[in-house]
Amino acid sequence: MNNGCAQCHSVQTQDIEATISSEQMRGPDLSQIGSEHDADWIVAYVKREQAVDGEQHRVPYAGNDDDLRAVADWLVQPQ
């Protein structure tokens, strides 16, 4: 999660904790995201091409597509 993901998101199953101090800005824990969505959906959501309940990902993704795909693939693996 070198592209700033862990600033807002935790992956508690991997002992990754969000570093942001604002609870209002903290995103959800991503430990189980792979059981809810596939890697293509995760990529689309982070790139703001997909929404959840009408809401897009809060922060535009500034990394490259290969890194985003690697993170998405990692998230869908059993944690």
PDB file of N, CA and C in Angstrom:
ATOM      1  N   MET A   1       0.829  -1.184   0.000  1.00  0.00           N
ATOM      2  CA  MET A   1       0.000   0.000   0.000  1.00  0.00           C
ATOM      3  C   MET A   1       0.874   1.248   0.000  1.00  0.00           C
ATOM      4  N   ASN A   2       1.780   1.321  -0.927  1.00  0.00           N
ATOM      5  CA  ASN A   2       2.695   2.454  -1.008  1.00  0.00           C
ATOM      6  C   ASN A   2       2.103   3.664  -1.696  1.00  0.00           C
ATOM      7  N   ASN A   3       0.889   3.569  -2.195  1.00  0.00           N
ATOM      8  CA  ASN A   3       0.276   4.690  -2.896  1.00  0.00           C
ATOM      9  C   ASN A   3      -0.653   5.490  -1.999  1.00  0.00           C
ATOM     10  N   GLY A   4      -0.475   5.400  -0.721  1.00  0.00           N
ATOM     11  CA  GLY A   4      -1.257   6.194   0.211  1.00  0.00           C
ATOM     12  C   GLY A   4      -2.530   5.529   0.690  1.00  0.00           C
ATOM     13  N   CYS A   5      -2.804   4.316   0.261  1.00  0.00           N
ATOM     14  CA  CYS A   5      -4.036   3.626   0.665  1.00  0.00           C
ATOM     15  C   CYS A   5      -4.138   3.506   2.179  1.00  0.00           C
ATOM     16  N   ALA A   6      -3.005   3.199   2.825  1.00  0.00           N
ATOM     17  CA  ALA A   6      -3.006   2.979   4.272  1.00  0.00           C
ATOM     18  C   ALA A   6      -3.104   4.275   5.060  1.00  0.00           C
ATOM     19  N   GLN A   7      -3.110   5.387   4.383  1.00  0.00           N
ATOM     20  CA  GLN A   7      -3.365   6.624   5.107  1.00  0.00           C
ATOM     21  C   GLN A   7      -4.803   6.594   5.633  1.00  0.00           C
ATOM     22  N   CYS A   8      -5.742   6.149   4.807  1.00  0.00           N
ATOM     23  CA  CYS A   8      -7.164   6.143   5.190  1.00  0.00           C
ATOM     24  C   CYS A   8      -7.699   4.747   5.523  1.00  0.00           C
ATOM     25  N   HIS A   9      -7.103   3.707   4.933  1.00  0.00           N
ATOM     26  CA  HIS A   9      -7.627   2.348   5.085  1.00  0.00           C
ATOM     27  C   HIS A   9      -6.709   1.462   5.909  1.00  0.00           C
ATOM     28  N   SER A  10      -7.337   0.580   6.665  1.00  0.00           N
ATOM     29  CA  SER A  10      -6.593  -0.459   7.367  1.00  0.00           C
ATOM     30  C   SER A  10      -6.874  -1.797   6.681  1.00  0.00           C
ATOM     31  N   VAL A  11      -6.008  -2.738   6.921  1.00  0.00           N
ATOM     32  CA  VAL A  11      -6.219  -4.137   6.554  1.00  0.00           C
ATOM     33  C   VAL A  11      -5.817  -4.890   7.824  1.00  0.00           C
ATOM     34  N   GLN A  12      -6.757  -4.969   8.736  1.00  0.00           N
ATOM     35  CA  GLN A  12      -6.464  -5.483  10.069  1.00  0.00           C
ATOM     36  C   GLN A  12      -5.933  -6.905  10.050  1.00  0.00           C
ATOM     37  N   THR A  13      -6.369  -7.711   9.093  1.00  0.00           N
ATOM     38  CA  THR A  13      -5.886  -9.090   9.023  1.00  0.00           C
ATOM     39  C   THR A  13      -4.402  -9.159   8.685  1.00  0.00           C
ATOM     40  N   GLN A  14      -3.840  -8.065   8.174  1.00  0.00           N
ATOM     41  CA  GLN A  14      -2.417  -8.009   7.842  1.00  0.00           C
ATOM     42  C   GLN A  14      -1.665  -7.033   8.750  1.00  0.00           C
ATOM     43  N   ASP A  15      -2.317  -6.618   9.840  1.00  0.00           N
ATOM     44  CA  ASP A  15      -1.724  -5.678  10.794  1.00  0.00           C
ATOM     45  C   ASP A  15      -1.342  -4.346  10.151  1.00  0.00           C
ATOM     46  N   ILE A  16      -2.129  -3.918   9.172  1.00  0.00           N
ATOM     47  CA  ILE A  16      -1.946  -2.609   8.548  1.00  0.00           C
ATOM     48  C   ILE A  16      -3.013  -1.693   9.133  1.00  0.00           C
ATOM     49  N   GLU A  17      -2.578  -0.620   9.751  1.00  0.00           N
ATOM     50  CA  GLU A  17      -3.497   0.326  10.372  1.00  0.00           C
ATOM     51  C   GLU A  17      -3.476   1.647   9.617  1.00  0.00           C
ATOM     52  N   ALA A  18      -4.644   2.252   9.460  1.00  0.00           N
ATOM     53  CA  ALA A  18      -4.740   3.567   8.843  1.00  0.00           C
ATOM     54  C   ALA A  18      -3.953   4.568   9.681  1.00  0.00           C
ATOM     55  N   THR A  19      -3.287   5.497   9.021  1.00  0.00           N
ATOM     56  CA  THR A  19      -2.466   6.472   9.738  1.00  0.00           C
ATOM     57  C   THR A  19      -3.172   7.801   9.950  1.00  0.00           C
ATOM     58  N   ILE A  20      -4.274   8.027   9.281  1.00  0.00           N
ATOM     59  CA  ILE A  20      -4.988   9.301   9.400  1.00  0.00           C
ATOM     60  C   ILE A  20      -5.598   9.417  10.794  1.00  0.00           C
ATOM     61  N   SER A  21      -5.508  10.580  11.373  1.00  0.00           N
ATOM     62  CA  SER A  21      -6.021  10.754  12.733  1.00  0.00           C
ATOM     63  C   SER A  21      -7.509  11.111  12.756  1.00  0.00           C
ATOM     64  N   SER A  22      -8.033  11.613  11.670  1.00  0.00           N
ATOM     65  CA  SER A  22      -9.436  12.018  11.610  1.00  0.00           C
ATOM     66  C   SER A  22     -10.340  10.808  11.386  1.00  0.00           C
ATOM     67  N   GLU A  23     -11.203  10.531  12.346  1.00  0.00           N
ATOM     68  CA  GLU A  23     -12.148   9.421  12.188  1.00  0.00           C
ATOM     69  C   GLU A  23     -13.111   9.692  11.030  1.00  0.00           C
ATOM     70  N   GLN A  24     -13.420  10.950  10.790  1.00  0.00           N
ATOM     71  CA  GLN A  24     -14.335  11.326   9.711  1.00  0.00           C
ATOM     72  C   GLN A  24     -13.751  10.983   8.340  1.00  0.00           C
ATOM     73  N   MET A  25     -12.444  11.082   8.189  1.00  0.00           N
ATOM     74  CA  MET A  25     -11.793  10.807   6.912  1.00  0.00           C
ATOM     75  C   MET A  25     -11.345   9.356   6.772  1.00  0.00           C
ATOM     76  N   ARG A  26     -11.414   8.588   7.844  1.00  0.00           N
ATOM     77  CA  ARG A  26     -10.955   7.200   7.818  1.00  0.00           C
ATOM     78  C   ARG A  26     -11.881   6.370   6.932  1.00  0.00           C
ATOM     79  N   GLY A  27     -11.287   5.586   6.043  1.00  0.00           N
ATOM     80  CA  GLY A  27     -12.055   4.692   5.186  1.00  0.00           C
ATOM     81  C   GLY A  27     -12.266   3.353   5.862  1.00  0.00           C
ATOM     82  N   PRO A  28     -13.037   2.485   5.243  1.00  0.00           N
ATOM     83  CA  PRO A  28     -13.308   1.181   5.848  1.00  0.00           C
ATOM     84  C   PRO A  28     -12.080   0.267   5.849  1.00  0.00           C
ATOM     85  N   ASP A  29     -12.087  -0.662   6.781  1.00  0.00           N
ATOM     86  CA  ASP A  29     -11.083  -1.727   6.792  1.00  0.00           C
ATOM     87  C   ASP A  29     -11.299  -2.567   5.532  1.00  0.00           C
ATOM     88  N   LEU A  30     -10.227  -2.918   4.857  1.00  0.00           N
ATOM     89  CA  LEU A  30     -10.330  -3.647   3.589  1.00  0.00           C
ATOM     90  C   LEU A  30     -10.053  -5.144   3.720  1.00  0.00           C
ATOM     91  N   SER A  31     -10.033  -5.653   4.934  1.00  0.00           N
ATOM     92  CA  SER A  31      -9.720  -7.067   5.152  1.00  0.00           C
ATOM     93  C   SER A  31     -10.635  -8.019   4.394  1.00  0.00           C
ATOM     94  N   GLN A  32     -11.908  -7.692   4.278  1.00  0.00           N
ATOM     95  CA  GLN A  32     -12.878  -8.599   3.663  1.00  0.00           C
ATOM     96  C   GLN A  32     -13.387  -8.125   2.306  1.00  0.00           C
ATOM     97  N   ILE A  33     -12.804  -7.077   1.740  1.00  0.00           N
ATOM     98  CA  ILE A  33     -13.302  -6.530   0.479  1.00  0.00           C
ATOM     99  C   ILE A  33     -13.285  -7.571  -0.639  1.00  0.00           C
ATOM    100  N   GLY A  34     -12.316  -8.471  -0.607  1.00  0.00           N
ATOM    101  CA  GLY A  34     -12.210  -9.500  -1.641  1.00  0.00           C
ATOM    102  C   GLY A  34     -13.322 -10.531  -1.584  1.00  0.00           C
ATOM    103  N   SER A  35     -13.998 -10.657  -0.457  1.00  0.00           N
ATOM    104  CA  SER A  35     -15.135 -11.577  -0.379  1.00  0.00           C
ATOM    105  C   SER A  35     -16.411 -10.905  -0.874  1.00  0.00           C
ATOM    106  N   GLU A  36     -16.359  -9.584  -1.045  1.00  0.00           N
ATOM    107  CA  GLU A  36     -17.521  -8.824  -1.497  1.00  0.00           C
ATOM    108  C   GLU A  36     -17.423  -8.406  -2.965  1.00  0.00           C
ATOM    109  N   HIS A  37     -16.199  -8.189  -3.440  1.00  0.00           N
ATOM    110  CA  HIS A  37     -15.987  -7.676  -4.798  1.00  0.00           C
ATOM    111  C   HIS A  37     -14.748  -8.320  -5.409  1.00  0.00           C
ATOM    112  N   ASP A  38     -14.711  -8.371  -6.740  1.00  0.00           N
ATOM    113  CA  ASP A  38     -13.519  -8.889  -7.415  1.00  0.00           C
ATOM    114  C   ASP A  38     -12.537  -7.750  -7.706  1.00  0.00           C
ATOM    115  N   ALA A  39     -11.363  -8.114  -8.196  1.00  0.00           N
ATOM    116  CA  ALA A  39     -10.305  -7.132  -8.441  1.00  0.00           C
ATOM    117  C   ALA A  39     -10.721  -6.095  -9.477  1.00  0.00           C
ATOM    118  N   ASP A  40     -11.462  -6.495 -10.508  1.00  0.00           N
ATOM    119  CA  ASP A  40     -11.899  -5.529 -11.520  1.00  0.00           C
ATOM    120  C   ASP A  40     -12.797  -4.465 -10.905  1.00  0.00           C
ATOM    121  N   TRP A  41     -13.692  -4.881 -10.007  1.00  0.00           N
ATOM    122  CA  TRP A  41     -14.572  -3.927  -9.350  1.00  0.00           C
ATOM    123  C   TRP A  41     -13.760  -2.972  -8.480  1.00  0.00           C
ATOM    124  N   ILE A  42     -12.794  -3.498  -7.738  1.00  0.00           N
ATOM    125  CA  ILE A  42     -11.961  -2.657  -6.873  1.00  0.00           C
ATOM    126  C   ILE A  42     -11.228  -1.614  -7.706  1.00  0.00           C
ATOM    127  N   VAL A  43     -10.643  -2.039  -8.812  1.00  0.00           N
ATOM    128  CA  VAL A  43      -9.940  -1.102  -9.699  1.00  0.00           C
ATOM    129  C   VAL A  43     -10.897  -0.016 -10.189  1.00  0.00           C
ATOM    130  N   ALA A  44     -12.062  -0.405 -10.660  1.00  0.00           N
ATOM    131  CA  ALA A  44     -13.040   0.564 -11.167  1.00  0.00           C
ATOM    132  C   ALA A  44     -13.489   1.533 -10.073  1.00  0.00           C
ATOM    133  N   TYR A  45     -13.699   1.029  -8.868  1.00  0.00           N
ATOM    134  CA  TYR A  45     -14.127   1.893  -7.776  1.00  0.00           C
ATOM    135  C   TYR A  45     -13.043   2.908  -7.422  1.00  0.00           C
ATOM    136  N   VAL A  46     -11.816   2.447  -7.284  1.00  0.00           N
ATOM    137  CA  VAL A  46     -10.729   3.349  -6.911  1.00  0.00           C
ATOM    138  C   VAL A  46     -10.487   4.380  -8.015  1.00  0.00           C
ATOM    139  N   LYS A  47     -10.705   3.993  -9.271  1.00  0.00           N
ATOM    140  CA  LYS A  47     -10.535   4.928 -10.386  1.00  0.00           C
ATOM    141  C   LYS A  47     -11.776   5.804 -10.597  1.00  0.00           C
ATOM    142  N   ARG A  48     -12.760   5.652  -9.702  1.00  0.00           N
ATOM    143  CA  ARG A  48     -13.993   6.440  -9.719  1.00  0.00           C
ATOM    144  C   ARG A  48     -14.864   6.154 -10.933  1.00  0.00           C
ATOM    145  N   GLU A  49     -14.792   4.920 -11.421  1.00  0.00           N
ATOM    146  CA  GLU A  49     -15.639   4.471 -12.524  1.00  0.00           C
ATOM    147  C   GLU A  49     -16.823   3.658 -12.005  1.00  0.00           C
ATOM    148  N   GLN A  50     -16.835   3.394 -10.717  1.00  0.00           N
ATOM    149  CA  GLN A  50     -17.846   2.590 -10.041  1.00  0.00           C
ATOM    150  C   GLN A  50     -18.207   3.320  -8.751  1.00  0.00           C
ATOM    151  N   ALA A  51     -19.460   3.187  -8.317  1.00  0.00           N
ATOM    152  CA  ALA A  51     -19.898   3.850  -7.090  1.00  0.00           C
ATOM    153  C   ALA A  51     -20.537   2.839  -6.140  1.00  0.00           C
ATOM    154  N   VAL A  52     -20.586   3.214  -4.875  1.00  0.00           N
ATOM    155  CA  VAL A  52     -21.276   2.433  -3.852  1.00  0.00           C
ATOM    156  C   VAL A  52     -22.345   3.351  -3.266  1.00  0.00           C
ATOM    157  N   ASP A  53     -23.575   2.924  -3.381  1.00  0.00           N
ATOM    158  CA  ASP A  53     -24.690   3.748  -2.892  1.00  0.00           C
ATOM    159  C   ASP A  53     -24.608   5.171  -3.427  1.00  0.00           C
ATOM    160  N   GLY A  54     -24.227   5.289  -4.693  1.00  0.00           N
ATOM    161  CA  GLY A  54     -24.144   6.596  -5.333  1.00  0.00           C
ATOM    162  C   GLY A  54     -22.902   7.399  -4.991  1.00  0.00           C
ATOM    163  N   GLU A  55     -22.010   6.837  -4.189  1.00  0.00           N
ATOM    164  CA  GLU A  55     -20.800   7.545  -3.765  1.00  0.00           C
ATOM    165  C   GLU A  55     -19.568   6.947  -4.426  1.00  0.00           C
ATOM    166  N   GLN A  56     -18.716   7.814  -4.962  1.00  0.00           N
ATOM    167  CA  GLN A  56     -17.453   7.375  -5.540  1.00  0.00           C
ATOM    168  C   GLN A  56     -16.376   7.359  -4.455  1.00  0.00           C
ATOM    169  N   HIS A  57     -15.250   6.702  -4.773  1.00  0.00           N
ATOM    170  CA  HIS A  57     -14.086   6.711  -3.887  1.00  0.00           C
ATOM    171  C   HIS A  57     -13.737   8.165  -3.590  1.00  0.00           C
ATOM    172  N   ARG A  58     -13.462   8.471  -2.338  1.00  0.00           N
ATOM    173  CA  ARG A  58     -13.263   9.864  -1.917  1.00  0.00           C
ATOM    174  C   ARG A  58     -12.093  10.562  -2.586  1.00  0.00           C
ATOM    175  N   VAL A  59     -11.002   9.837  -2.748  1.00  0.00           N
ATOM    176  CA  VAL A  59      -9.766  10.458  -3.225  1.00  0.00           C
ATOM    177  C   VAL A  59      -9.409   9.906  -4.599  1.00  0.00           C
ATOM    178  N   PRO A  60      -9.158  10.772  -5.584  1.00  0.00           N
ATOM    179  CA  PRO A  60      -8.717  10.266  -6.885  1.00  0.00           C
ATOM    180  C   PRO A  60      -7.394   9.500  -6.741  1.00  0.00           C
ATOM    181  N   TYR A  61      -7.305   8.358  -7.392  1.00  0.00           N
ATOM    182  CA  TYR A  61      -6.091   7.540  -7.317  1.00  0.00           C
ATOM    183  C   TYR A  61      -5.001   8.185  -8.159  1.00  0.00           C
ATOM    184  N   ALA A  62      -3.839   8.403  -7.563  1.00  0.00           N
ATOM    185  CA  ALA A  62      -2.745   9.079  -8.258  1.00  0.00           C
ATOM    186  C   ALA A  62      -1.635   8.127  -8.692  1.00  0.00           C
ATOM    187  N   GLY A  63      -1.743   6.843  -8.347  1.00  0.00           N
ATOM    188  CA  GLY A  63      -0.707   5.878  -8.711  1.00  0.00           C
ATOM    189  C   GLY A  63      -0.878   5.380 -10.136  1.00  0.00           C
ATOM    190  N   ASN A  64      -0.058   4.409 -10.510  1.00  0.00           N
ATOM    191  CA  ASN A  64      -0.177   3.869 -11.870  1.00  0.00           C
ATOM    192  C   ASN A  64      -1.077   2.639 -11.877  1.00  0.00           C
ATOM    193  N   ASP A  65      -1.530   2.282 -13.065  1.00  0.00           N
ATOM    194  CA  ASP A  65      -2.485   1.181 -13.211  1.00  0.00           C
ATOM    195  C   ASP A  65      -1.919  -0.162 -12.755  1.00  0.00           C
ATOM    196  N   ASP A  66      -0.641  -0.400 -12.996  1.00  0.00           N
ATOM    197  CA  ASP A  66      -0.039  -1.668 -12.580  1.00  0.00           C
ATOM    198  C   ASP A  66      -0.037  -1.812 -11.055  1.00  0.00           C
ATOM    199  N   ASP A  67       0.276  -0.734 -10.358  1.00  0.00           N
ATOM    200  CA  ASP A  67       0.258  -0.774  -8.895  1.00  0.00           C
ATOM    201  C   ASP A  67      -1.156  -0.982  -8.371  1.00  0.00           C
ATOM    202  N   LEU A  68      -2.120  -0.300  -8.968  1.00  0.00           N
ATOM    203  CA  LEU A  68      -3.507  -0.451  -8.542  1.00  0.00           C
ATOM    204  C   LEU A  68      -3.974  -1.883  -8.759  1.00  0.00           C
ATOM    205  N   ARG A  69      -3.632  -2.473  -9.894  1.00  0.00           N
ATOM    206  CA  ARG A  69      -4.021  -3.860 -10.174  1.00  0.00           C
ATOM    207  C   ARG A  69      -3.368  -4.802  -9.161  1.00  0.00           C
ATOM    208  N   ALA A  70      -2.117  -4.559  -8.828  1.00  0.00           N
ATOM    209  CA  ALA A  70      -1.429  -5.414  -7.844  1.00  0.00           C
ATOM    210  C   ALA A  70      -2.109  -5.333  -6.478  1.00  0.00           C
ATOM    211  N   VAL A  71      -2.490  -4.138  -6.054  1.00  0.00           N
ATOM    212  CA  VAL A  71      -3.180  -3.983  -4.765  1.00  0.00           C
ATOM    213  C   VAL A  71      -4.540  -4.670  -4.817  1.00  0.00           C
ATOM    214  N   ALA A  72      -5.278  -4.472  -5.900  1.00  0.00           N
ATOM    215  CA  ALA A  72      -6.601  -5.083  -6.040  1.00  0.00           C
ATOM    216  C   ALA A  72      -6.489  -6.616  -6.025  1.00  0.00           C
ATOM    217  N   ASP A  73      -5.528  -7.144  -6.751  1.00  0.00           N
ATOM    218  CA  ASP A  73      -5.319  -8.603  -6.768  1.00  0.00           C
ATOM    219  C   ASP A  73      -4.963  -9.118  -5.369  1.00  0.00           C
ATOM    220  N   TRP A  74      -4.145  -8.366  -4.643  1.00  0.00           N
ATOM    221  CA  TRP A  74      -3.757  -8.747  -3.288  1.00  0.00           C
ATOM    222  C   TRP A  74      -4.967  -8.721  -2.363  1.00  0.00           C
ATOM    223  N   LEU A  75      -5.823  -7.720  -2.507  1.00  0.00           N
ATOM    224  CA  LEU A  75      -6.997  -7.598  -1.639  1.00  0.00           C
ATOM    225  C   LEU A  75      -8.010  -8.728  -1.836  1.00  0.00           C
ATOM    226  N   VAL A  76      -8.068  -9.295  -3.021  1.00  0.00           N
ATOM    227  CA  VAL A  76      -9.053 -10.373  -3.245  1.00  0.00           C
ATOM    228  C   VAL A  76      -8.530 -11.732  -2.804  1.00  0.00           C
ATOM    229  N   GLN A  77      -7.261 -11.816  -2.447  1.00  0.00           N
ATOM    230  CA  GLN A  77      -6.721 -13.061  -1.908  1.00  0.00           C
ATOM    231  C   GLN A  77      -7.232 -13.221  -0.482  1.00  0.00           C
ATOM    232  N   PRO A  78      -7.471 -14.446  -0.054  1.00  0.00           N
ATOM    233  CA  PRO A  78      -7.906 -14.636   1.337  1.00  0.00           C
ATOM    234  C   PRO A  78      -6.917 -14.010   2.300  1.00  0.00           C
ATOM    235  N   GLN A  79      -7.413 -13.189   3.169  1.00  0.00           N
ATOM    236  CA  GLN A  79      -6.563 -12.487   4.141  1.00  0.00           C
ATOM    237  C   GLN A  79      -6.505 -13.304   5.361  1.00  0.00           C
TER     238      GLN A  79
END
